[in-house]
Every structure is written in C-alpha cells, then in structure tokens.
Amino acid sequence: MKKTSPFVISEFTNPSGEIVYRLYARIDGQRIRKNFSTLAEAQAEREIQEVNWLQRDTGTRAAITRLNEDQLHEAEAAFRRLMGQPCSLSFYLDFALTNYREPEKQRPLASAVADYIAAKEHEFAQDQLSPPQLARIRWDLKRLVKYFPGKTVAEMTVSGLVGFLERRRPSMKTFNNQRGVLGTFFKFCFHRGWVTENPILKVPHYRIRHKRGVAQTLTAAQATALMEFMETYDGGRWVPYFALCLFAGIRPGVPHGEITKFKPDAVNLEEGVIYISAEVSKVREPRRVAIQPNLAAWLRAYPLEKYPIILGNFKKRRQRFAKKLGLTHDVLRHTFISMFVAKFRSIGEAAIQAGNSESIIRRHYLDLKTTAEAEEFFGILPRHADNSEKNSVFPVLRIAV
C-alpha cells in the first residue's frame, strides 16, 4: 500500500510582504520547514525529502554522483560481494589491474587442443615424438575437452584442473604424467596469447619416493626351455627374435619397441657387436651391445638373412606366445640385464649396453641372480633340433620374481 506523503507545499507571506513557498512536514516528532522563492525549487526539495523518507528503512540514500544507473548497480554488487572480506574494494581493484592481462584472443578449448595436436603431429612427422607419446597426448587432451565442454582456454582455473586430474583417483605417477601433458599444452597456449599465465604451474606436483623394485625375470632353466621350444616350433623362424631380446637385451615391444626397427645389418658377428642407432633406440641415444658367445652361436645357427626378425601379423602372434608361454612385458630384457650384472658385476657396463641409467640398474636388477646362474644362462646354446616339427606343445613357464 502506497504511503501518503507528509510533505506539503503552501504559499506564505513573509513579514516583509514577500510571497514565498513553504515546504512543511512533521515526521517522528521532528518538524521540517523550509521556504523557497519559487514553486519549482520547493517541489524539487520535496522530491528529495520524499525519497529519503521512503528509502530510510532500506539503508539507501539519495546522493549526487557521476555514475550512471548501470555503474551504480555494479558498484553496489561489488560491495555486497566484499562483505566480510579483510580488504577494501580499492585493494582488490589494484591487485586485478596489476596482475590481470586480457588474453589477446578468447580461444575455445577444443580449437586450442586441435591446434596443439596438429603441432605435435608435425613433430612426430619429423621423428621428434614416439607413437606412444603422441597417443598419450591425444588421449589426455581429448578427455580434457570432454570434461570442460564449451569452455575457452582463458576460463581454465587451477581448482578446475586439479578436479580434472583427480577425478579418477589416479596414482601419483599417473597424476604427474597427466599434469605434464597439460603443462606443455598450456605453455603452447601462453605463447599464443590465449592465456595470461600457465595455470598448471600452480597445480601441485607429487614427490614420489622410489623404492628398490624387483624386475620379473626368467631363471636359467626357464630360458633354456624357452629357447629349446623355439628351435622346434614353426621351423625355428622365431628364434632370432627371442635370441636378440633374451641374450642382447633389445627392447621387445611390438609395434613400437626397438626390435621392430632393428635391421639385420646392425649385427656384426666378426666384430662381435650389435649397433643400436639413435633412430632405433627408445631413449634416442646410440649404443653398442657386445655379442656374447652363446648369442653368436644362435645367430650363426639361425642367420638373419634366412630367418627374419619380424613376421607378418607379428603383434597378435606374439601376444599368443606371451599367453601360452607365460611371458610378461619386457621379461626377456629384464632377464638379460639381471644376468649380465650377475656375471660381470658392473652396473656401469650394464647401463651402457642396455641403454638405461645406472640408478635404474641398481634399483631393479642388482643381486637378482647368482654368478653361477648367470654362467648357465650365457651358456645356453642351440641344439639344432628337428625344425620340421610344426605342432609342438607350448611349455609352461612360471616367471621368477
């Protein structure tokens, strides 16, 4: 219900005989009385007094200001948001003006990811990235776009990215790896002016305490049984693959392991050396592997010119071997390194020939095998069994830990 105004304007004659316009009201026992020479002045004052009277219960008041209506509303909203904060509006405004830089372009996240992946594909074409690295980048950034639909790169916040990285409760190592992918992506965006800073720099990085692990390996007896079976299976055509991975430590992964890029001319039996080029090496560093006498015997009995290392549909067929023979990933290489350390007692030489760091060798391969077992392992020789047997039964190998 609209209140009746208590303010009344009336004509009044001063003792001097001058006619004036008087504004009069009595509010809460207080009297308001003012005289004006013109009616317009009296009406203007009445409007001001009525505003003050009507809005006194809301805490608002009339004031002269250079702000327009929208600016006044925004200023009032800012002060409401600052209620309970320890600093003034001016403090927060100064901080924003000092630290905030408007992105040159508001780039959609999906478009930025597409540009970044295209750049990485260009690096891959120049042999600067491995296929697994490129696949990992694509996978992680695809999930980022799915998690933040319709967002721009500039809208990415530290808290939002932490939530994205922690959403599946990953291990600390997985968290750090995904954080690394995002870090290089936002660095790419920063250099193009799509963000004012790299938000990943404020995302915590876990410090992982490394423990000395135990690599999964074959015993000398298991290695002997494996190679005896390979001589009798499928005409012995799989022998070079297993011999090189088991007795020289060539990384056996398919389709991206060192063995898949290995060329027969890298083996020099006369000099007793296998040359792993930087293009073949997983760590992009060349190395030379000394051919042990038993490996030389295997390569002479099954020459690479006659027995190719990689066969058709190799990945699926190798997976069948792994299942039937009970072979885990890299067990052939792990066996070679542990046996090499046991025989020669040289962590440094093992690191050089295996293409690992000394710390990795010490952490995972030291003292797994005895010298006697290593001598037995490097004494495994081909027996030239009847290679025409096609349907041999797979042996059961239990991998030692």
Protein backbone atom coordinates (compact mmCIF):
# COMPACT_ATOMS: atom_id res chain seq x y z
CA MET A 1 0.00 0.00 0.00
CA LYS A 2 1.43 3.38 -1.06
CA LYS A 3 2.20 5.74 1.79
CA THR A 4 0.75 9.28 1.87
CA SER A 5 3.44 11.92 1.65
CA PRO A 6 3.75 14.08 4.80
CA PHE A 7 5.35 16.91 2.79
CA VAL A 8 3.07 19.84 1.97
CA ILE A 9 3.85 22.97 -0.09
CA SER A 10 1.89 26.13 0.61
CA GLU A 11 2.15 29.86 -0.13
CA PHE A 12 3.35 32.01 2.73
CA THR A 13 3.69 35.79 3.08
CA ASN A 14 6.78 36.97 4.93
CA PRO A 15 6.56 39.93 7.37
CA SER A 16 8.25 41.91 4.61
CA GLY A 17 5.28 41.23 2.38
CA GLU A 18 7.19 38.85 0.05
CA ILE A 19 5.28 35.74 -1.06
CA VAL A 20 7.31 32.50 -0.72
CA TYR A 21 6.60 28.77 -0.99
CA ARG A 22 6.94 26.82 2.23
CA LEU A 23 7.70 23.07 2.45
CA TYR A 24 6.37 21.69 5.69
CA ALA A 25 6.23 18.25 7.32
CA ARG A 26 6.32 16.61 10.75
CA ILE A 27 7.97 13.16 10.90
CA ASP A 28 8.51 11.18 14.11
CA GLY A 29 8.01 14.33 16.18
CA GLN A 30 10.54 16.34 14.14
CA ARG A 31 9.44 19.37 12.17
CA ILE A 32 10.74 20.17 8.70
CA ARG A 33 10.10 23.70 7.41
CA LYS A 34 11.85 25.43 4.52
CA ASN A 35 10.95 28.48 2.43
CA PHE A 36 11.71 28.83 -1.28
CA SER A 37 11.33 31.82 -3.57
CA THR A 38 9.84 29.72 -6.39
CA LEU A 39 7.42 26.83 -6.57
CA ALA A 40 9.87 24.74 -8.71
CA GLU A 41 12.53 24.91 -6.00
CA ALA A 42 10.03 23.84 -3.36
CA GLN A 43 8.85 20.90 -5.47
CA ALA A 44 12.44 19.73 -6.14
CA GLU A 45 13.23 19.74 -2.42
CA ARG A 46 10.02 17.85 -1.67
CA GLU A 47 11.05 15.09 -4.11
CA ILE A 48 14.43 14.72 -2.39
CA GLN A 49 12.85 14.62 1.04
CA GLU A 50 10.26 12.07 -0.06
CA VAL A 51 12.99 9.76 -1.45
CA ASN A 52 14.89 9.94 1.82
CA TRP A 53 11.69 9.32 3.76
CA LEU A 54 10.59 6.33 1.63
CA GLN A 55 14.03 4.63 1.50
CA ARG A 56 15.22 5.20 5.05
CA ASP A 57 14.19 1.61 6.02
CA THR A 58 16.26 0.01 3.20
CA GLY A 59 19.55 1.65 4.07
CA THR A 60 19.70 3.59 0.80
CA ARG A 61 20.04 7.28 0.42
CA ALA A 62 20.00 9.93 -2.27
CA ALA A 63 23.37 11.25 -3.35
CA ILE A 64 24.86 13.32 -6.14
CA THR A 65 27.08 11.08 -8.34
CA ARG A 66 28.70 10.99 -11.79
CA LEU A 67 27.88 7.27 -12.16
CA ASN A 68 25.06 6.21 -14.43
CA GLU A 69 22.40 3.72 -13.40
CA ASP A 70 24.28 0.58 -14.57
CA GLN A 71 27.50 1.71 -12.93
CA LEU A 72 25.71 2.33 -9.66
CA HIS A 73 24.21 -1.17 -9.71
CA GLU A 74 27.62 -2.73 -10.46
CA ALA A 75 29.25 -0.74 -7.64
CA GLU A 76 26.59 -1.86 -5.18
CA ALA A 77 27.02 -5.51 -6.31
CA ALA A 78 30.79 -5.26 -5.81
CA PHE A 79 30.42 -4.00 -2.27
CA ARG A 80 27.93 -6.77 -1.47
CA ARG A 81 30.46 -9.39 -2.66
CA LEU A 82 33.14 -7.84 -0.46
CA MET A 83 31.13 -8.12 2.74
CA GLY A 84 33.24 -9.98 5.29
CA GLN A 85 36.47 -9.63 3.29
CA PRO A 86 39.52 -8.21 5.07
CA CYS A 87 40.47 -5.65 2.40
CA SER A 88 38.77 -2.78 0.63
CA LEU A 89 37.40 -2.64 -2.89
CA SER A 90 40.34 -0.43 -3.90
CA PHE A 91 42.83 -3.07 -2.73
CA TYR A 92 41.26 -5.82 -4.86
CA LEU A 93 40.94 -3.47 -7.82
CA ASP A 94 44.63 -2.54 -7.61
CA PHE A 95 45.56 -6.23 -7.44
CA ALA A 96 43.50 -7.04 -10.54
CA LEU A 97 44.92 -4.12 -12.51
CA THR A 98 48.46 -5.18 -11.61
CA ASN A 99 48.17 -8.91 -12.29
CA TYR A 100 45.44 -9.48 -14.85
CA ARG A 101 46.22 -9.36 -18.55
CA GLU A 102 43.41 -9.74 -21.02
CA PRO A 103 44.07 -12.64 -23.42
CA GLU A 104 44.67 -11.48 -26.96
CA LYS A 105 42.05 -13.92 -28.21
CA GLN A 106 39.34 -15.88 -26.44
CA ARG A 107 40.28 -19.25 -27.93
CA PRO A 108 37.81 -22.14 -27.49
CA LEU A 109 39.43 -25.05 -25.65
CA ALA A 110 38.52 -27.55 -28.37
CA SER A 111 40.14 -25.39 -31.07
CA ALA A 112 43.27 -24.85 -28.98
CA VAL A 113 43.61 -28.60 -28.43
CA ALA A 114 43.20 -29.24 -32.16
CA ASP A 115 45.97 -26.73 -32.94
CA TYR A 116 48.25 -28.24 -30.30
CA ILE A 117 47.75 -31.81 -31.55
CA ALA A 118 48.45 -30.63 -35.11
CA ALA A 119 51.75 -29.16 -33.87
CA LYS A 120 52.61 -32.42 -32.13
CA GLU A 121 51.76 -34.40 -35.26
CA HIS A 122 54.23 -32.20 -37.12
CA GLU A 123 56.87 -33.04 -34.51
CA PHE A 124 56.00 -36.72 -34.88
CA ALA A 125 56.45 -36.49 -38.67
CA GLN A 126 59.97 -35.17 -38.01
CA ASP A 127 60.70 -38.08 -35.66
CA GLN A 128 60.70 -35.89 -32.54
CA LEU A 129 57.93 -37.86 -30.81
CA SER A 130 57.31 -41.58 -30.49
CA PRO A 131 53.92 -43.10 -31.39
CA PRO A 132 53.09 -43.88 -27.72
CA GLN A 133 53.85 -40.26 -26.74
CA LEU A 134 51.57 -38.86 -29.42
CA ALA A 135 48.81 -41.31 -28.50
CA ARG A 136 49.09 -40.30 -24.82
CA ILE A 137 48.80 -36.59 -25.69
CA ARG A 138 45.74 -37.19 -27.85
CA TRP A 139 44.05 -39.30 -25.20
CA ASP A 140 44.62 -36.92 -22.28
CA LEU A 141 43.58 -33.78 -24.17
CA LYS A 142 40.50 -35.46 -25.62
CA ARG A 143 39.33 -36.11 -22.06
CA LEU A 144 40.15 -32.50 -21.12
CA VAL A 145 37.84 -31.16 -23.84
CA LYS A 146 35.11 -33.61 -22.82
CA TYR A 147 35.41 -32.56 -19.16
CA PHE A 148 35.14 -28.81 -19.98
CA PRO A 149 32.59 -28.58 -22.82
CA GLY A 150 32.12 -25.16 -24.37
CA LYS A 151 34.89 -23.52 -22.32
CA THR A 152 37.64 -21.23 -23.57
CA VAL A 153 41.28 -21.71 -22.67
CA ALA A 154 41.23 -18.49 -20.62
CA GLU A 155 38.45 -19.92 -18.43
CA MET A 156 40.62 -22.77 -17.15
CA THR A 157 41.28 -22.38 -13.42
CA VAL A 158 43.69 -24.10 -11.07
CA SER A 159 40.89 -25.61 -8.99
CA GLY A 160 39.10 -26.88 -12.09
CA LEU A 161 42.24 -28.54 -13.44
CA VAL A 162 43.00 -30.16 -10.09
CA GLY A 163 39.47 -31.58 -10.11
CA PHE A 164 40.02 -32.92 -13.63
CA LEU A 165 43.32 -34.59 -12.69
CA GLU A 166 41.92 -36.12 -9.50
CA ARG A 167 38.57 -37.26 -10.88
CA ARG A 168 39.53 -40.95 -11.14
CA ARG A 169 41.76 -41.08 -8.08
CA PRO A 170 44.90 -41.85 -10.13
CA SER A 171 48.24 -42.93 -8.72
CA MET A 172 50.73 -40.17 -8.00
CA LYS A 173 52.80 -41.15 -11.01
CA THR A 174 49.77 -41.05 -13.34
CA PHE A 175 48.77 -37.67 -11.86
CA ASN A 176 52.24 -36.27 -12.54
CA ASN A 177 52.28 -37.65 -16.09
CA GLN A 178 48.91 -36.12 -16.95
CA ARG A 179 49.94 -32.87 -15.29
CA GLY A 180 52.99 -32.83 -17.57
CA VAL A 181 50.85 -33.18 -20.69
CA LEU A 182 48.59 -30.32 -19.60
CA GLY A 183 51.60 -28.21 -18.67
CA THR A 184 53.07 -28.35 -22.18
CA PHE A 185 49.63 -27.69 -23.69
CA PHE A 186 49.04 -24.53 -21.63
CA LYS A 187 52.61 -23.38 -22.35
CA PHE A 188 51.69 -23.65 -26.02
CA CYS A 189 48.56 -21.56 -25.36
CA PHE A 190 50.50 -18.98 -23.34
CA HIS A 191 52.95 -18.37 -26.17
CA ARG A 192 50.00 -17.65 -28.47
CA GLY A 193 48.35 -15.19 -26.10
CA TRP A 194 45.32 -17.37 -25.34
CA VAL A 195 46.03 -17.37 -21.59
CA THR A 196 47.76 -14.82 -19.41
CA GLU A 197 49.66 -17.46 -17.44
CA ASN A 198 50.16 -21.22 -17.35
CA PRO A 199 47.67 -22.43 -14.68
CA ILE A 200 49.46 -25.79 -14.32
CA LEU A 201 52.35 -24.02 -12.58
CA LYS A 202 50.07 -23.68 -9.54
CA VAL A 203 48.89 -27.32 -9.65
CA PRO A 204 50.85 -29.41 -7.11
CA HIS A 205 53.39 -31.95 -8.30
CA TYR A 206 53.76 -35.10 -6.21
CA ARG A 207 57.17 -36.10 -4.95
CA ILE A 208 57.39 -39.87 -5.26
CA ARG A 209 59.68 -41.87 -3.07
CA HIS A 210 61.22 -44.52 -5.25
CA LYS A 211 61.68 -47.94 -3.76
CA ARG A 212 64.04 -50.60 -4.98
CA GLY A 213 61.88 -52.86 -7.10
CA VAL A 214 62.40 -56.38 -8.34
CA ALA A 215 62.20 -56.96 -12.09
CA GLN A 216 60.35 -60.01 -13.33
CA THR A 217 62.83 -62.43 -14.89
CA LEU A 218 63.25 -65.97 -16.16
CA THR A 219 65.54 -68.45 -14.46
CA ALA A 220 68.34 -70.02 -16.48
CA ALA A 221 66.33 -73.25 -16.64
CA GLN A 222 63.24 -71.42 -17.93
CA ALA A 223 65.31 -69.58 -20.55
CA THR A 224 66.75 -72.92 -21.67
CA ALA A 225 63.28 -74.46 -22.01
CA LEU A 226 62.05 -71.40 -23.92
CA MET A 227 64.85 -71.50 -26.49
CA GLU A 228 64.64 -75.28 -26.89
CA PHE A 229 60.97 -74.92 -27.71
CA MET A 230 61.58 -72.08 -30.17
CA GLU A 231 64.01 -74.24 -32.09
CA THR A 232 61.32 -76.86 -32.63
CA TYR A 233 58.38 -74.54 -33.27
CA ASP A 234 57.42 -73.39 -36.76
CA GLY A 235 60.77 -74.28 -38.33
CA GLY A 236 62.69 -72.16 -35.83
CA ARG A 237 61.66 -68.93 -37.54
CA TRP A 238 61.02 -67.21 -34.19
CA VAL A 239 64.49 -67.93 -32.80
CA PRO A 240 66.22 -64.64 -33.89
CA TYR A 241 63.58 -62.51 -32.16
CA PHE A 242 63.84 -64.36 -28.86
CA ALA A 243 67.64 -64.71 -29.04
CA LEU A 244 68.23 -60.97 -29.60
CA CYS A 245 65.80 -59.89 -26.89
CA LEU A 246 66.92 -62.52 -24.37
CA PHE A 247 70.70 -62.52 -24.90
CA ALA A 248 71.26 -58.88 -26.02
CA GLY A 249 68.50 -57.01 -24.15
CA ILE A 250 66.91 -55.45 -27.25
CA ARG A 251 63.60 -53.93 -26.18
CA PRO A 252 60.99 -56.46 -27.39
CA GLY A 253 57.84 -54.32 -27.58
CA VAL A 254 55.63 -54.60 -30.66
CA PRO A 255 54.77 -52.50 -32.63
CA HIS A 256 56.94 -49.69 -31.20
CA GLY A 257 59.82 -51.50 -29.49
CA GLU A 258 63.44 -51.40 -30.62
CA ILE A 259 63.21 -54.88 -32.11
CA THR A 260 60.60 -53.76 -34.66
CA LYS A 261 63.00 -51.13 -36.09
CA PHE A 262 66.05 -53.35 -35.87
CA LYS A 263 67.90 -54.07 -39.15
CA PRO A 264 69.97 -57.22 -39.79
CA ASP A 265 72.99 -55.16 -40.85
CA ALA A 266 73.20 -53.80 -37.29
CA VAL A 267 74.68 -57.18 -36.27
CA ASN A 268 78.41 -57.57 -36.89
CA LEU A 269 79.41 -61.08 -35.92
CA GLU A 270 83.01 -60.58 -36.97
CA GLU A 271 83.50 -57.66 -34.59
CA GLY A 272 81.13 -59.18 -32.02
CA VAL A 273 78.98 -56.03 -31.75
CA ILE A 274 75.33 -55.08 -32.25
CA TYR A 275 74.91 -51.41 -33.11
CA ILE A 276 71.69 -49.78 -31.91
CA SER A 277 71.28 -46.45 -33.70
CA ALA A 278 69.58 -43.39 -32.23
CA GLU A 279 66.64 -43.96 -34.58
CA VAL A 280 66.14 -47.46 -33.18
CA SER A 281 66.89 -46.69 -29.52
CA LYS A 282 63.98 -45.92 -27.23
CA VAL A 283 65.96 -43.16 -25.50
CA ARG A 284 67.21 -41.74 -28.84
CA GLU A 285 70.83 -42.46 -27.93
CA PRO A 286 73.02 -44.89 -29.89
CA ARG A 287 74.66 -47.78 -28.07
CA ARG A 288 76.74 -50.85 -28.77
CA VAL A 289 75.88 -54.25 -27.33
CA ALA A 290 78.62 -56.84 -27.07
CA ILE A 291 77.59 -60.15 -28.64
CA GLN A 292 78.10 -62.87 -26.07
CA PRO A 293 79.49 -66.19 -27.39
CA ASN A 294 76.20 -68.01 -26.97
CA LEU A 295 74.28 -65.29 -28.88
CA ALA A 296 76.84 -65.51 -31.68
CA ALA A 297 76.15 -69.26 -31.86
CA TRP A 298 72.40 -68.65 -32.10
CA LEU A 299 72.78 -66.05 -34.85
CA ARG A 300 75.07 -68.33 -36.86
CA ALA A 301 72.69 -71.27 -36.49
CA TYR A 302 69.71 -69.06 -37.42
CA PRO A 303 71.12 -66.30 -39.69
CA LEU A 304 69.04 -63.17 -40.05
CA GLU A 305 69.25 -63.38 -43.84
CA LYS A 306 67.24 -66.60 -43.70
CA TYR A 307 65.17 -66.05 -40.55
CA PRO A 308 63.62 -62.53 -40.49
CA ILE A 309 63.19 -60.98 -37.06
CA ILE A 310 59.63 -59.70 -37.55
CA LEU A 311 56.99 -61.83 -39.24
CA GLY A 312 53.55 -60.99 -40.62
CA ASN A 313 50.77 -60.22 -38.12
CA PHE A 314 53.54 -60.20 -35.54
CA LYS A 315 51.77 -58.40 -32.71
CA LYS A 316 48.86 -60.83 -32.49
CA ARG A 317 51.10 -63.86 -32.84
CA ARG A 318 53.48 -62.55 -30.20
CA GLN A 319 50.57 -61.97 -27.83
CA ARG A 320 49.68 -65.62 -28.32
CA PHE A 321 53.21 -66.57 -27.34
CA ALA A 322 53.05 -64.36 -24.28
CA LYS A 323 49.84 -66.02 -23.13
CA LYS A 324 50.90 -69.57 -23.86
CA LEU A 325 54.44 -69.22 -22.55
CA GLY A 326 53.53 -67.03 -19.57
CA LEU A 327 55.81 -64.20 -20.72
CA THR A 328 55.22 -60.76 -19.22
CA HIS A 329 56.15 -57.45 -20.81
CA ASP A 330 59.94 -56.96 -21.14
CA VAL A 331 60.72 -60.19 -19.21
CA LEU A 332 63.28 -61.16 -21.87
CA ARG A 333 65.14 -57.88 -21.49
CA HIS A 334 64.86 -57.94 -17.68
CA THR A 335 66.41 -61.40 -17.69
CA PHE A 336 69.35 -60.26 -19.84
CA ILE A 337 70.16 -57.25 -17.66
CA SER A 338 69.96 -59.14 -14.36
CA MET A 339 72.11 -61.98 -15.75
CA PHE A 340 74.64 -59.51 -17.19
CA VAL A 341 75.03 -57.72 -13.85
CA ALA A 342 75.42 -61.05 -12.07
CA LYS A 343 78.12 -62.30 -14.45
CA PHE A 344 80.19 -59.16 -15.00
CA ARG A 345 79.47 -57.31 -11.70
CA SER A 346 79.45 -53.96 -13.50
CA ILE A 347 76.45 -51.69 -13.13
CA GLY A 348 78.04 -49.09 -15.41
CA GLU A 349 78.68 -51.52 -18.26
CA ALA A 350 75.18 -52.97 -17.91
CA ALA A 351 73.71 -49.45 -18.13
CA ILE A 352 75.72 -48.71 -21.28
CA GLN A 353 74.77 -51.91 -23.09
CA ALA A 354 71.13 -51.90 -22.01
CA GLY A 355 70.52 -48.19 -22.64
CA ASN A 356 69.47 -47.46 -19.05
CA SER A 357 70.80 -45.24 -16.29
CA GLU A 358 72.96 -46.71 -13.55
CA SER A 359 70.33 -45.76 -10.97
CA ILE A 360 67.73 -47.88 -12.79
CA ILE A 361 70.10 -50.83 -12.99
CA ARG A 362 70.93 -50.57 -9.29
CA ARG A 363 67.30 -50.15 -8.28
CA HIS A 364 65.78 -53.02 -10.25
CA TYR A 365 68.44 -55.53 -11.36
CA LEU A 366 71.21 -55.73 -8.80
CA ASP A 367 71.69 -59.07 -6.98
CA LEU A 368 68.71 -60.81 -8.59
CA LYS A 369 70.85 -63.63 -9.97
CA THR A 370 73.90 -65.54 -8.79
CA THR A 371 77.12 -65.73 -10.77
CA ALA A 372 76.61 -69.46 -11.26
CA GLU A 373 73.14 -69.00 -12.73
CA ALA A 374 74.42 -66.22 -14.99
CA GLU A 375 77.15 -68.53 -16.31
CA GLU A 376 74.49 -71.15 -17.02
CA PHE A 377 72.33 -68.56 -18.78
CA PHE A 378 75.09 -67.32 -21.07
CA GLY A 379 75.94 -70.95 -21.81
CA ILE A 380 72.57 -71.71 -23.44
CA LEU A 381 73.39 -72.88 -26.97
CA PRO A 382 71.32 -74.05 -29.97
CA ARG A 383 70.88 -77.79 -30.28
CA HIS A 384 69.79 -77.84 -33.91
CA ALA A 385 66.65 -79.82 -33.08
CA ASP A 386 64.38 -81.03 -35.86
CA ASN A 387 62.89 -77.77 -37.09
CA SER A 388 60.27 -79.54 -39.17
CA GLU A 389 58.08 -80.22 -36.12
CA LYS A 390 55.15 -77.88 -36.57
CA ASN A 391 52.76 -78.72 -33.78
CA SER A 392 54.87 -78.69 -30.64
CA VAL A 393 53.11 -78.21 -27.33
CA PHE A 394 53.80 -74.93 -25.58
CA PRO A 395 55.86 -75.35 -22.41
CA VAL A 396 54.63 -73.90 -19.15
CA LEU A 397 56.99 -71.22 -17.81
CA ARG A 398 56.48 -69.74 -14.39
CA ILE A 399 58.24 -66.39 -14.25
CA ALA A 400 60.51 -65.85 -11.25
CA VAL A 401 60.10 -62.62 -9.29
